Protein backbone atom coordinates (compact mmCIF):
# COMPACT_ATOMS: atom_id res chain seq x y z
CA MET A 1 6.53 17.00 9.45
CA ASN A 2 8.39 14.87 6.95
CA PRO A 3 6.95 15.02 3.39
CA TRP A 4 8.16 11.47 2.69
CA GLY A 5 5.79 10.25 5.38
CA LEU A 6 2.90 11.90 3.56
CA ALA A 7 4.03 10.22 0.34
CA PHE A 8 3.88 6.84 2.09
CA VAL A 9 0.41 7.62 3.43
CA GLY A 10 -0.71 8.56 -0.09
CA ALA A 11 0.77 5.39 -1.58
CA GLY A 12 -0.93 3.31 1.11
CA LEU A 13 -4.31 4.93 0.51
CA PHE A 14 -3.90 4.43 -3.24
CA THR A 15 -3.13 0.75 -2.68
CA ILE A 16 -6.13 0.29 -0.38
CA ILE A 17 -8.50 2.02 -2.80
CA GLY A 18 -7.15 0.02 -5.74
CA ALA A 19 -7.73 -3.26 -3.90
CA VAL A 20 -11.15 -2.37 -2.48
CA CYS A 21 -12.47 -1.03 -5.81
CA ASP A 22 -10.97 -4.07 -7.59
CA TRP A 23 -9.51 -1.97 -10.39
CA ASP A 24 -8.61 -4.27 -13.28
CA TRP A 25 -5.64 -2.15 -14.34
CA PHE A 26 -4.33 -2.26 -10.77
CA MET A 27 -4.75 -6.01 -10.32
CA ASN A 28 -3.44 -6.81 -13.83
CA HIS A 29 -0.12 -5.07 -13.25
CA PRO A 30 2.75 -7.56 -13.79
CA LYS A 31 3.81 -7.37 -10.13
CA ALA A 32 0.23 -7.86 -8.92
CA ARG A 33 -0.30 -10.80 -11.29
CA PHE A 34 2.22 -12.82 -9.30
CA VAL A 35 0.29 -12.22 -6.07
CA CYS A 36 -2.97 -13.08 -7.89
CA ALA A 37 -1.44 -16.29 -9.19
CA VAL A 38 -0.31 -17.33 -5.71
CA CYS A 39 -3.31 -16.19 -3.65
CA GLY A 40 -6.11 -15.82 -6.17
CA ARG A 41 -7.73 -12.48 -6.90
CA GLY A 42 -9.61 -12.30 -3.60
CA GLY A 43 -6.51 -13.17 -1.63
CA ALA A 44 -4.50 -10.60 -3.56
CA ARG A 45 -7.07 -7.94 -2.72
CA ILE A 46 -6.80 -8.79 0.98
CA PHE A 47 -3.00 -8.78 0.71
CA TYR A 48 -2.99 -5.32 -0.88
CA VAL A 49 -5.40 -3.90 1.71
CA VAL A 50 -3.14 -5.15 4.52
CA PHE A 51 -0.06 -3.88 2.64
CA GLY A 52 -1.73 -0.48 2.18
CA ILE A 53 -2.64 -0.28 5.87
CA ALA A 54 0.99 -1.00 6.77
CA PHE A 55 2.12 1.79 4.43
CA VAL A 56 -0.36 4.24 5.97
CA ILE A 57 0.78 3.40 9.51
CA PHE A 58 4.46 3.63 8.57
CA GLY A 59 3.90 6.91 6.73
CA ALA A 60 1.95 8.44 9.59
CA LEU A 61 4.65 7.49 12.09
CA PHE A 62 7.35 8.79 9.76
CA ALA A 63 5.50 12.06 9.15
CA ALA A 64 4.90 12.54 12.87
CA GLY A 65 8.57 12.06 13.64
CA VAL A 66 8.18 8.85 15.64
CA ILE A 67 10.37 7.08 13.06
CA HIS A 68 13.43 9.19 12.25
CA ASP A 69 15.34 9.57 9.03
CA THR A 70 18.97 8.40 9.35
CA LYS A 71 20.89 11.36 7.96
């Protein structure tokens, strides 16, 4: 099991929780402000949920060894 995969899963879950709970400090981050300006706050929340799901899937596949590290 690759620990980097678990880190990606954790980052994805954090992103999903931040978007679902609508944390102000999460959505007011300078990088998130750009997405909010383009999509609106609701659209940014949907974007970050989808982004978090992608991170969780990638991390799970990486941790399981389906996606290999190129060393």
